[in-house]
N, C-alpha and C. Protein backbone atom coordinates (compact mmCIF):
# COMPACT_ATOMS: atom_id res chain seq x y z
N MET A 1 142.89 124.28 128.52
CA MET A 1 144.00 124.30 127.60
C MET A 1 143.84 123.15 126.62
N ARG A 2 144.22 123.38 125.43
CA ARG A 2 144.05 122.36 124.42
C ARG A 2 145.00 121.21 124.61
N ARG A 3 145.93 120.92 124.04
CA ARG A 3 146.78 119.75 123.99
C ARG A 3 147.39 119.32 125.31
N SER A 4 146.67 119.35 126.38
CA SER A 4 147.21 118.95 127.67
C SER A 4 146.92 117.47 127.90
N ARG A 5 147.89 116.77 128.44
CA ARG A 5 147.71 115.35 128.74
C ARG A 5 147.19 115.12 130.14
N LEU A 6 147.02 116.20 130.89
CA LEU A 6 146.49 116.07 132.25
C LEU A 6 145.00 115.77 132.20
N ARG A 7 144.56 115.03 133.19
CA ARG A 7 143.13 114.75 133.28
C ARG A 7 142.38 116.05 133.54
N GLN A 8 141.12 116.06 133.13
CA GLN A 8 140.28 117.25 133.28
C GLN A 8 140.15 117.66 134.75
N THR A 9 140.05 116.70 135.64
CA THR A 9 139.90 117.04 137.06
C THR A 9 141.16 117.72 137.61
N LYS A 10 142.34 117.24 137.18
CA LYS A 10 143.58 117.87 137.63
C LYS A 10 143.72 119.27 137.06
N GLN A 11 143.29 119.45 135.81
CA GLN A 11 143.32 120.78 135.22
C GLN A 11 142.41 121.74 135.99
N GLU A 12 141.23 121.26 136.35
CA GLU A 12 140.30 122.10 137.10
C GLU A 12 140.86 122.46 138.47
N HIS A 13 141.53 121.51 139.12
CA HIS A 13 142.15 121.80 140.41
C HIS A 13 143.27 122.82 140.26
N LEU A 14 144.09 122.67 139.22
CA LEU A 14 145.17 123.63 138.98
C LEU A 14 144.63 125.03 138.73
N ILE A 15 143.57 125.13 137.95
CA ILE A 15 142.97 126.43 137.67
C ILE A 15 142.36 127.02 138.93
N GLY A 16 141.72 126.19 139.74
CA GLY A 16 141.14 126.67 140.99
C GLY A 16 142.18 127.24 141.94
N HIS A 17 143.30 126.55 142.05
CA HIS A 17 144.37 127.05 142.91
C HIS A 17 145.03 128.29 142.31
N PHE A 18 145.10 128.36 140.98
CA PHE A 18 145.65 129.54 140.31
C PHE A 18 144.80 130.77 140.63
N VAL A 19 143.49 130.60 140.56
CA VAL A 19 142.57 131.70 140.85
C VAL A 19 142.65 132.09 142.32
N ALA A 20 142.85 131.11 143.19
CA ALA A 20 142.93 131.38 144.62
C ALA A 20 144.22 132.09 145.01
N GLY A 21 145.23 132.05 144.13
CA GLY A 21 146.48 132.74 144.41
C GLY A 21 147.56 131.88 145.02
N ALA A 22 147.40 130.59 144.97
CA ALA A 22 148.43 129.69 145.51
C ALA A 22 149.63 129.66 144.57
N THR A 23 150.78 129.30 145.11
CA THR A 23 151.97 129.20 144.27
C THR A 23 151.90 127.94 143.42
N ALA A 24 152.66 127.94 142.35
CA ALA A 24 152.63 126.81 141.43
C ALA A 24 153.18 125.54 142.07
N ARG A 25 154.24 125.68 142.84
CA ARG A 25 154.85 124.49 143.46
C ARG A 25 153.94 123.89 144.53
N THR A 26 153.31 124.73 145.32
CA THR A 26 152.38 124.24 146.33
C THR A 26 151.19 123.56 145.67
N THR A 27 150.68 124.18 144.62
CA THR A 27 149.55 123.60 143.90
C THR A 27 149.92 122.26 143.29
N ALA A 28 151.11 122.18 142.74
CA ALA A 28 151.54 120.91 142.12
C ALA A 28 151.58 119.79 143.15
N SER A 29 152.07 120.09 144.34
CA SER A 29 152.11 119.03 145.36
C SER A 29 150.71 118.67 145.85
N LEU A 30 149.81 119.65 145.92
CA LEU A 30 148.44 119.36 146.35
C LEU A 30 147.67 118.55 145.31
N VAL A 31 147.88 118.87 144.05
CA VAL A 31 147.14 118.19 142.98
C VAL A 31 147.76 116.83 142.66
N GLY A 32 149.08 116.72 142.86
CA GLY A 32 149.73 115.45 142.59
C GLY A 32 150.41 115.39 141.24
N VAL A 33 150.93 116.53 140.80
CA VAL A 33 151.68 116.55 139.54
C VAL A 33 153.10 117.02 139.84
N ASN A 34 153.99 116.88 138.88
CA ASN A 34 155.36 117.31 139.02
C ASN A 34 155.41 118.83 139.15
N LYS A 35 156.38 119.35 139.90
CA LYS A 35 156.45 120.80 140.12
C LYS A 35 156.70 121.56 138.82
N SER A 36 157.46 120.98 137.91
CA SER A 36 157.72 121.67 136.65
C SER A 36 156.45 121.75 135.80
N ILE A 37 155.60 120.75 135.90
CA ILE A 37 154.32 120.79 135.19
C ILE A 37 153.43 121.87 135.78
N GLY A 38 153.42 121.98 137.10
CA GLY A 38 152.63 123.03 137.75
C GLY A 38 153.09 124.42 137.36
N VAL A 39 154.40 124.63 137.34
CA VAL A 39 154.96 125.93 136.95
C VAL A 39 154.63 126.22 135.50
N TYR A 40 154.79 125.25 134.64
CA TYR A 40 154.50 125.44 133.22
C TYR A 40 153.01 125.73 133.00
N TYR A 41 152.15 125.02 133.70
CA TYR A 41 150.71 125.22 133.55
C TYR A 41 150.32 126.63 133.99
N PHE A 42 150.87 127.10 135.10
CA PHE A 42 150.59 128.46 135.56
C PHE A 42 151.11 129.49 134.56
N HIS A 43 152.28 129.22 133.99
CA HIS A 43 152.84 130.12 132.98
C HIS A 43 151.92 130.21 131.77
N ARG A 44 151.43 129.07 131.32
CA ARG A 44 150.52 129.05 130.17
C ARG A 44 149.21 129.78 130.49
N LEU A 45 148.70 129.63 131.70
CA LEU A 45 147.49 130.36 132.08
C LEU A 45 147.72 131.86 132.03
N ARG A 46 148.89 132.31 132.52
CA ARG A 46 149.20 133.73 132.46
C ARG A 46 149.30 134.23 131.02
N GLU A 47 149.89 133.42 130.14
CA GLU A 47 149.98 133.80 128.72
C GLU A 47 148.60 133.90 128.08
N ILE A 48 147.72 132.97 128.41
CA ILE A 48 146.37 132.99 127.85
C ILE A 48 145.62 134.23 128.33
N ILE A 49 145.77 134.57 129.59
CA ILE A 49 145.11 135.77 130.13
C ILE A 49 145.67 137.01 129.46
N TYR A 50 146.99 137.07 129.27
CA TYR A 50 147.61 138.22 128.62
C TYR A 50 147.10 138.38 127.19
N GLN A 51 147.04 137.29 126.44
CA GLN A 51 146.57 137.36 125.06
C GLN A 51 145.11 137.78 124.99
N ALA A 52 144.30 137.36 125.95
CA ALA A 52 142.88 137.72 125.95
C ALA A 52 142.68 139.20 126.28
N THR A 53 143.53 139.74 127.15
CA THR A 53 143.36 141.14 127.55
C THR A 53 144.15 142.11 126.69
N GLU A 54 145.05 141.61 125.86
CA GLU A 54 145.86 142.48 125.02
C GLU A 54 145.00 143.26 124.03
N ASP A 55 143.98 142.64 123.50
CA ASP A 55 143.12 143.28 122.52
C ASP A 55 142.13 144.27 123.15
N GLU A 56 141.91 144.17 124.43
CA GLU A 56 140.92 145.01 125.10
C GLU A 56 141.59 146.16 125.86
N THR A 57 142.33 146.99 125.16
CA THR A 57 142.98 148.12 125.81
C THR A 57 141.96 149.22 126.04
N PRO A 58 141.98 149.86 127.21
CA PRO A 58 140.99 150.90 127.49
C PRO A 58 141.25 152.20 126.74
N PHE A 59 142.49 152.44 126.29
CA PHE A 59 142.83 153.67 125.61
C PHE A 59 143.33 153.38 124.20
N THR A 60 142.99 154.28 123.30
CA THR A 60 143.54 154.19 121.95
C THR A 60 144.11 155.55 121.59
N GLY A 61 145.15 155.55 120.82
CA GLY A 61 145.76 156.80 120.42
C GLY A 61 146.69 157.36 121.47
N GLU A 62 146.78 158.69 121.50
CA GLU A 62 147.69 159.37 122.40
C GLU A 62 146.99 159.74 123.70
N VAL A 63 147.65 159.51 124.83
CA VAL A 63 147.09 159.81 126.13
C VAL A 63 147.96 160.87 126.79
N GLU A 64 147.34 161.95 127.27
CA GLU A 64 148.08 163.04 127.90
C GLU A 64 147.71 163.11 129.38
N VAL A 65 148.72 163.25 130.24
CA VAL A 65 148.50 163.33 131.67
C VAL A 65 149.08 164.66 132.15
N ASP A 66 148.24 165.50 132.78
CA ASP A 66 148.68 166.79 133.27
C ASP A 66 148.54 166.86 134.77
N GLU A 67 149.50 167.52 135.42
CA GLU A 67 149.47 167.79 136.86
C GLU A 67 149.17 166.54 137.68
N SER A 68 149.85 165.49 137.36
CA SER A 68 149.63 164.24 138.09
C SER A 68 150.84 163.94 138.95
N TYR A 69 150.62 163.16 139.99
CA TYR A 69 151.73 162.68 140.80
C TYR A 69 151.52 161.19 141.04
N PHE A 70 152.60 160.50 141.16
CA PHE A 70 152.56 159.07 141.38
C PHE A 70 153.31 158.76 142.65
N GLY A 71 152.79 157.88 143.43
CA GLY A 71 153.43 157.51 144.68
C GLY A 71 152.48 157.71 145.85
N ASP A 72 153.02 157.56 147.04
CA ASP A 72 152.14 157.61 148.21
C ASP A 72 152.12 158.98 148.89
N ARG A 73 153.07 159.84 148.61
CA ARG A 73 153.08 161.15 149.24
C ARG A 73 153.17 162.26 148.21
N ARG A 74 152.52 163.32 148.51
CA ARG A 74 152.53 164.46 147.63
C ARG A 74 153.59 165.46 148.11
N LYS A 75 154.32 166.04 147.20
CA LYS A 75 155.34 167.01 147.56
C LYS A 75 154.72 168.41 147.63
N GLY A 76 155.07 169.12 148.69
CA GLY A 76 154.65 170.51 148.79
C GLY A 76 153.41 170.77 149.53
C-alpha cells in the first residue's frame, strides 16, 4: 500500500495473515498494531483486490441461463 506509515515488516505480516484467513483483530494483536489499524488495513486490501478484479470480468454482454437450478437439492 502506498501512503502507509507502518513499517514494511508489519505490512508483510498483515498481508501474510490476511492471505492465511486470520481475522483482522487477531492479526492486529499478533503483529502489534492497534485493532482499528488492522481492520482498516484489511478493508483496504479487500478494496484493492476488488478494483483489480473488477476489470477482469469473465462475461461481457448479455448472459442467458436455461434450465438451471441453484441450491443443494433438485426438485422432482
